[in-house]
Amino acid sequence: MPQLAGHSMKAIAIMTRERSPLLPDLGSAHEQGLTDFDCYFWSGFFLPKGTPAAVVQKLHDAAVETLNTPVVQERLKTVGVTVLAPERRSPDYLKGYVASETAKWAATIKAAGVSLD
C-alpha cells in the first residue's frame, strides 16, 4: 500500500473508462457507476497563433513518425501511456478536443474558484 506522510492510502478507482494495464486489479470509475466520467492525462504540441501551416504540418509529421516507431511505442507502454489512434492525432482533432475539454471542465473550475495568477 502506498505511503504518504506516514499514512496509508488505498486506491479506490482509476478515473478513466478503462482499467490501466499498469493497475489491472484497480477498477475504473466507469465500472463503479461514474459512467459520464473520463479523466486522464493527455499531451499535445501548442504553437503560437499564426504559425505557418507548413511548420505545423512538419512538426505533426515528425511527431507521428516518432510515435509510430516500435521502440517509442514500447517505452510508452511500459509507463502506462496509450498512443492515440491515427485519426485522433491531427491538429484539427486536438483543436476540437481542447475546446470540448474546456467546455466540459469550465463549470467545475469556476465552482472551485480556481484562477490563474
N, C-alpha and C. Protein backbone atom coordinates (compact mmCIF):
# COMPACT_ATOMS: atom_id res chain seq x y z
N MET A 1 0.84 -1.17 0.00
CA MET A 1 0.00 0.00 0.00
C MET A 1 0.89 1.24 0.00
N PRO A 2 0.59 2.25 -0.87
CA PRO A 2 1.41 3.46 -0.91
C PRO A 2 1.38 4.22 0.41
N GLN A 3 2.48 4.91 0.69
CA GLN A 3 2.58 5.71 1.91
C GLN A 3 2.67 7.18 1.52
N LEU A 4 1.98 8.02 2.28
CA LEU A 4 2.04 9.46 2.09
C LEU A 4 2.14 10.09 3.46
N ALA A 5 3.26 10.69 3.75
CA ALA A 5 3.47 11.36 5.04
C ALA A 5 3.11 10.45 6.21
N GLY A 6 3.52 9.18 6.13
CA GLY A 6 3.29 8.25 7.22
C GLY A 6 1.90 7.65 7.28
N HIS A 7 1.06 7.94 6.30
CA HIS A 7 -0.31 7.42 6.27
C HIS A 7 -0.49 6.47 5.09
N SER A 8 -1.28 5.46 5.29
CA SER A 8 -1.57 4.52 4.21
C SER A 8 -2.68 5.07 3.32
N MET A 9 -2.60 4.74 2.06
CA MET A 9 -3.64 5.11 1.11
C MET A 9 -4.11 3.85 0.41
N LYS A 10 -5.36 3.84 0.04
CA LYS A 10 -5.89 2.74 -0.74
C LYS A 10 -6.58 3.33 -1.96
N ALA A 11 -6.12 2.95 -3.13
CA ALA A 11 -6.74 3.42 -4.36
C ALA A 11 -8.12 2.77 -4.48
N ILE A 12 -9.10 3.57 -4.86
CA ILE A 12 -10.45 3.03 -5.00
C ILE A 12 -10.92 3.00 -6.45
N ALA A 13 -10.27 3.76 -7.33
CA ALA A 13 -10.64 3.75 -8.74
C ALA A 13 -9.60 4.49 -9.55
N ILE A 14 -9.51 4.12 -10.80
CA ILE A 14 -8.76 4.91 -11.76
C ILE A 14 -9.80 5.74 -12.49
N MET A 15 -9.53 6.99 -12.71
CA MET A 15 -10.56 7.93 -13.15
C MET A 15 -10.75 7.94 -14.67
N THR A 16 -10.68 6.78 -15.28
CA THR A 16 -10.89 6.64 -16.72
C THR A 16 -11.97 5.60 -16.98
N ARG A 17 -12.36 5.46 -18.24
CA ARG A 17 -13.38 4.46 -18.60
C ARG A 17 -12.83 3.04 -18.52
N GLU A 18 -11.58 2.87 -18.91
CA GLU A 18 -10.97 1.54 -18.93
C GLU A 18 -9.96 1.40 -17.80
N ARG A 19 -9.69 0.17 -17.41
CA ARG A 19 -8.65 -0.09 -16.42
C ARG A 19 -7.28 0.19 -17.04
N SER A 20 -6.33 0.46 -16.19
CA SER A 20 -4.95 0.69 -16.64
C SER A 20 -4.22 -0.64 -16.72
N PRO A 21 -3.44 -0.85 -17.78
CA PRO A 21 -2.62 -2.06 -17.84
C PRO A 21 -1.59 -2.13 -16.71
N LEU A 22 -1.24 -0.97 -16.14
CA LEU A 22 -0.29 -0.95 -15.03
C LEU A 22 -0.93 -1.32 -13.70
N LEU A 23 -2.26 -1.14 -13.60
CA LEU A 23 -3.01 -1.44 -12.37
C LEU A 23 -4.26 -2.26 -12.74
N PRO A 24 -4.06 -3.46 -13.26
CA PRO A 24 -5.20 -4.21 -13.79
C PRO A 24 -6.25 -4.60 -12.75
N ASP A 25 -5.90 -4.63 -11.48
CA ASP A 25 -6.86 -5.01 -10.45
C ASP A 25 -7.64 -3.81 -9.89
N LEU A 26 -7.30 -2.62 -10.33
CA LEU A 26 -7.97 -1.40 -9.86
C LEU A 26 -9.11 -1.07 -10.82
N GLY A 27 -10.33 -1.08 -10.30
CA GLY A 27 -11.49 -0.79 -11.13
C GLY A 27 -11.51 0.63 -11.63
N SER A 28 -12.16 0.83 -12.76
CA SER A 28 -12.29 2.17 -13.31
C SER A 28 -13.49 2.88 -12.70
N ALA A 29 -13.48 4.19 -12.79
CA ALA A 29 -14.62 4.98 -12.32
C ALA A 29 -15.88 4.56 -13.09
N HIS A 30 -15.71 4.31 -14.36
CA HIS A 30 -16.84 3.90 -15.20
C HIS A 30 -17.45 2.59 -14.69
N GLU A 31 -16.61 1.64 -14.34
CA GLU A 31 -17.11 0.36 -13.82
C GLU A 31 -17.85 0.55 -12.50
N GLN A 32 -17.51 1.60 -11.78
CA GLN A 32 -18.09 1.81 -10.46
C GLN A 32 -19.27 2.79 -10.48
N GLY A 33 -19.79 3.06 -11.67
CA GLY A 33 -21.01 3.83 -11.77
C GLY A 33 -20.87 5.26 -12.25
N LEU A 34 -19.66 5.77 -12.37
CA LEU A 34 -19.46 7.14 -12.87
C LEU A 34 -19.37 7.07 -14.39
N THR A 35 -20.50 6.77 -15.03
CA THR A 35 -20.49 6.48 -16.46
C THR A 35 -20.22 7.69 -17.34
N ASP A 36 -20.43 8.89 -16.83
CA ASP A 36 -20.13 10.10 -17.61
C ASP A 36 -18.77 10.68 -17.25
N PHE A 37 -17.98 9.92 -16.55
CA PHE A 37 -16.70 10.42 -16.04
C PHE A 37 -15.56 9.79 -16.82
N ASP A 38 -14.67 10.62 -17.32
CA ASP A 38 -13.48 10.14 -18.01
C ASP A 38 -12.43 11.23 -17.89
N CYS A 39 -11.42 10.99 -17.10
CA CYS A 39 -10.41 11.99 -16.83
C CYS A 39 -9.04 11.31 -16.90
N TYR A 40 -8.25 11.72 -17.83
CA TYR A 40 -6.95 11.09 -17.99
C TYR A 40 -5.93 12.11 -18.47
N PHE A 41 -4.69 11.72 -18.41
CA PHE A 41 -3.58 12.56 -18.85
C PHE A 41 -3.51 12.55 -20.37
N TRP A 42 -3.27 13.70 -20.95
CA TRP A 42 -3.02 13.79 -22.38
C TRP A 42 -2.01 14.90 -22.62
N SER A 43 -1.42 14.90 -23.79
CA SER A 43 -0.47 15.96 -24.12
C SER A 43 -0.56 16.27 -25.60
N GLY A 44 -0.08 17.43 -25.96
CA GLY A 44 -0.08 17.85 -27.35
C GLY A 44 0.92 18.98 -27.52
N PHE A 45 1.19 19.30 -28.77
CA PHE A 45 2.05 20.44 -29.08
C PHE A 45 1.17 21.67 -29.29
N PHE A 46 1.53 22.76 -28.64
CA PHE A 46 0.82 24.02 -28.82
C PHE A 46 1.80 25.05 -29.37
N LEU A 47 1.43 25.66 -30.47
CA LEU A 47 2.29 26.62 -31.15
C LEU A 47 1.64 28.00 -31.13
N PRO A 48 2.43 29.04 -31.30
CA PRO A 48 1.85 30.39 -31.31
C PRO A 48 0.84 30.55 -32.45
N LYS A 49 -0.21 31.33 -32.17
CA LYS A 49 -1.20 31.63 -33.19
C LYS A 49 -0.48 32.24 -34.40
N GLY A 50 -0.88 31.82 -35.57
CA GLY A 50 -0.26 32.34 -36.79
C GLY A 50 0.95 31.55 -37.26
N THR A 51 1.30 30.47 -36.55
CA THR A 51 2.41 29.64 -37.02
C THR A 51 2.06 29.13 -38.42
N PRO A 52 2.96 29.24 -39.37
CA PRO A 52 2.65 28.80 -40.74
C PRO A 52 2.21 27.33 -40.79
N ALA A 53 1.22 27.06 -41.63
CA ALA A 53 0.68 25.71 -41.77
C ALA A 53 1.77 24.70 -42.11
N ALA A 54 2.74 25.10 -42.90
CA ALA A 54 3.82 24.18 -43.28
C ALA A 54 4.65 23.77 -42.06
N VAL A 55 4.86 24.68 -41.13
CA VAL A 55 5.60 24.38 -39.90
C VAL A 55 4.78 23.44 -39.03
N VAL A 56 3.48 23.73 -38.89
CA VAL A 56 2.59 22.87 -38.11
C VAL A 56 2.60 21.45 -38.69
N GLN A 57 2.48 21.35 -40.00
CA GLN A 57 2.44 20.03 -40.65
C GLN A 57 3.76 19.29 -40.49
N LYS A 58 4.87 19.99 -40.59
CA LYS A 58 6.18 19.34 -40.45
C LYS A 58 6.37 18.79 -39.03
N LEU A 59 5.99 19.58 -38.03
CA LEU A 59 6.08 19.12 -36.64
C LEU A 59 5.13 17.94 -36.41
N HIS A 60 3.93 18.04 -36.93
CA HIS A 60 2.95 16.94 -36.81
C HIS A 60 3.50 15.66 -37.42
N ASP A 61 4.01 15.76 -38.64
CA ASP A 61 4.53 14.57 -39.33
C ASP A 61 5.69 13.94 -38.56
N ALA A 62 6.58 14.76 -38.02
CA ALA A 62 7.72 14.24 -37.24
C ALA A 62 7.23 13.56 -35.96
N ALA A 63 6.25 14.15 -35.30
CA ALA A 63 5.72 13.54 -34.07
C ALA A 63 5.04 12.21 -34.36
N VAL A 64 4.24 12.16 -35.41
CA VAL A 64 3.55 10.92 -35.78
C VAL A 64 4.56 9.85 -36.17
N GLU A 65 5.57 10.22 -36.94
CA GLU A 65 6.60 9.26 -37.33
C GLU A 65 7.29 8.68 -36.09
N THR A 66 7.57 9.53 -35.12
CA THR A 66 8.19 9.08 -33.88
C THR A 66 7.26 8.16 -33.10
N LEU A 67 5.99 8.55 -32.97
CA LEU A 67 5.02 7.73 -32.25
C LEU A 67 4.82 6.36 -32.89
N ASN A 68 5.03 6.27 -34.19
CA ASN A 68 4.84 5.00 -34.89
C ASN A 68 6.02 4.05 -34.79
N THR A 69 7.14 4.48 -34.21
CA THR A 69 8.28 3.58 -34.12
C THR A 69 8.08 2.59 -32.98
N PRO A 70 8.42 1.34 -33.20
CA PRO A 70 8.21 0.31 -32.17
C PRO A 70 8.90 0.62 -30.85
N VAL A 71 10.11 1.17 -30.87
CA VAL A 71 10.83 1.44 -29.63
C VAL A 71 10.10 2.49 -28.79
N VAL A 72 9.55 3.52 -29.44
CA VAL A 72 8.82 4.55 -28.71
C VAL A 72 7.51 3.97 -28.18
N GLN A 73 6.81 3.21 -29.00
CA GLN A 73 5.55 2.62 -28.54
C GLN A 73 5.77 1.68 -27.36
N GLU A 74 6.84 0.92 -27.39
CA GLU A 74 7.12 0.00 -26.27
C GLU A 74 7.46 0.78 -25.01
N ARG A 75 8.25 1.83 -25.14
CA ARG A 75 8.60 2.64 -23.96
C ARG A 75 7.37 3.29 -23.37
N LEU A 76 6.52 3.85 -24.21
CA LEU A 76 5.29 4.47 -23.71
C LEU A 76 4.40 3.44 -23.01
N LYS A 77 4.34 2.26 -23.57
CA LYS A 77 3.53 1.20 -22.96
C LYS A 77 4.05 0.84 -21.57
N THR A 78 5.37 0.82 -21.38
CA THR A 78 5.94 0.44 -20.09
C THR A 78 5.64 1.47 -18.99
N VAL A 79 5.34 2.70 -19.39
CA VAL A 79 5.00 3.72 -18.40
C VAL A 79 3.49 4.00 -18.37
N GLY A 80 2.71 3.15 -19.04
CA GLY A 80 1.26 3.24 -18.97
C GLY A 80 0.61 4.22 -19.92
N VAL A 81 1.32 4.65 -20.95
CA VAL A 81 0.76 5.59 -21.91
C VAL A 81 0.15 4.81 -23.09
N THR A 82 -1.06 5.19 -23.45
CA THR A 82 -1.71 4.63 -24.62
C THR A 82 -1.56 5.63 -25.76
N VAL A 83 -1.00 5.17 -26.86
CA VAL A 83 -0.83 6.05 -28.02
C VAL A 83 -2.16 6.14 -28.75
N LEU A 84 -2.56 7.36 -29.06
CA LEU A 84 -3.82 7.59 -29.73
C LEU A 84 -3.86 6.95 -31.11
N ALA A 85 -5.05 6.58 -31.52
CA ALA A 85 -5.28 6.07 -32.87
C ALA A 85 -4.93 7.17 -33.87
N PRO A 86 -4.49 6.80 -35.06
CA PRO A 86 -4.07 7.81 -36.06
C PRO A 86 -5.11 8.88 -36.34
N GLU A 87 -6.39 8.54 -36.35
CA GLU A 87 -7.43 9.53 -36.65
C GLU A 87 -7.60 10.57 -35.54
N ARG A 88 -6.95 10.36 -34.40
CA ARG A 88 -7.05 11.31 -33.29
C ARG A 88 -5.75 12.09 -33.08
N ARG A 89 -4.89 12.13 -34.08
CA ARG A 89 -3.59 12.77 -33.93
C ARG A 89 -3.42 14.05 -34.74
N SER A 90 -4.43 14.52 -35.39
CA SER A 90 -4.28 15.70 -36.26
C SER A 90 -4.40 17.00 -35.48
N PRO A 91 -3.84 18.07 -36.03
CA PRO A 91 -4.01 19.38 -35.39
C PRO A 91 -5.49 19.77 -35.25
N ASP A 92 -6.31 19.45 -36.23
CA ASP A 92 -7.74 19.78 -36.14
C ASP A 92 -8.42 18.99 -35.03
N TYR A 93 -8.04 17.73 -34.88
CA TYR A 93 -8.62 16.93 -33.79
C TYR A 93 -8.25 17.53 -32.43
N LEU A 94 -6.98 17.90 -32.26
CA LEU A 94 -6.53 18.48 -30.99
C LEU A 94 -7.29 19.78 -30.71
N LYS A 95 -7.46 20.59 -31.71
CA LYS A 95 -8.19 21.86 -31.53
C LYS A 95 -9.61 21.59 -31.03
N GLY A 96 -10.30 20.64 -31.64
CA GLY A 96 -11.65 20.30 -31.21
C GLY A 96 -11.67 19.68 -29.83
N TYR A 97 -10.67 18.86 -29.54
CA TYR A 97 -10.59 18.20 -28.24
C TYR A 97 -10.38 19.22 -27.12
N VAL A 98 -9.48 20.15 -27.34
CA VAL A 98 -9.22 21.19 -26.34
C VAL A 98 -10.49 22.01 -26.10
N ALA A 99 -11.21 22.34 -27.15
CA ALA A 99 -12.45 23.09 -27.00
C ALA A 99 -13.47 22.29 -26.19
N SER A 100 -13.60 21.00 -26.46
CA SER A 100 -14.58 20.18 -25.74
C SER A 100 -14.17 20.00 -24.28
N GLU A 101 -12.89 19.84 -24.00
CA GLU A 101 -12.42 19.70 -22.62
C GLU A 101 -12.60 21.01 -21.84
N THR A 102 -12.36 22.13 -22.52
CA THR A 102 -12.56 23.43 -21.88
C THR A 102 -14.02 23.61 -21.49
N ALA A 103 -14.92 23.27 -22.39
CA ALA A 103 -16.35 23.38 -22.09
C ALA A 103 -16.74 22.39 -21.00
N LYS A 104 -16.20 21.20 -21.04
CA LYS A 104 -16.54 20.15 -20.08
C LYS A 104 -16.15 20.53 -18.65
N TRP A 105 -14.99 21.14 -18.47
CA TRP A 105 -14.47 21.41 -17.13
C TRP A 105 -14.69 22.83 -16.66
N ALA A 106 -15.21 23.72 -17.49
CA ALA A 106 -15.34 25.13 -17.13
C ALA A 106 -16.18 25.34 -15.87
N ALA A 107 -17.32 24.70 -15.77
CA ALA A 107 -18.19 24.89 -14.61
C ALA A 107 -17.53 24.38 -13.33
N THR A 108 -16.85 23.25 -13.43
CA THR A 108 -16.17 22.68 -12.26
C THR A 108 -15.06 23.61 -11.78
N ILE A 109 -14.29 24.13 -12.70
CA ILE A 109 -13.20 25.05 -12.36
C ILE A 109 -13.76 26.33 -11.73
N LYS A 110 -14.81 26.86 -12.33
CA LYS A 110 -15.42 28.08 -11.79
C LYS A 110 -15.99 27.84 -10.39
N ALA A 111 -16.68 26.70 -10.21
CA ALA A 111 -17.26 26.39 -8.90
C ALA A 111 -16.20 26.22 -7.82
N ALA A 112 -15.01 25.73 -8.23
CA ALA A 112 -13.92 25.53 -7.26
C ALA A 112 -13.17 26.83 -6.98
N GLY A 113 -13.44 27.87 -7.75
CA GLY A 113 -12.77 29.15 -7.55
C GLY A 113 -11.33 29.16 -8.03
N VAL A 114 -11.00 28.27 -8.95
CA VAL A 114 -9.63 28.20 -9.48
C VAL A 114 -9.40 29.36 -10.42
N SER A 115 -8.24 29.98 -10.30
CA SER A 115 -7.88 31.07 -11.21
C SER A 115 -6.39 31.01 -11.51
N LEU A 116 -6.04 31.60 -12.62
CA LEU A 116 -4.62 31.70 -13.00
C LEU A 116 -4.05 32.98 -12.41
N ASP A 117 -2.92 32.88 -11.79
CA ASP A 117 -2.27 34.07 -11.22
C ASP A 117 -1.07 34.45 -12.06
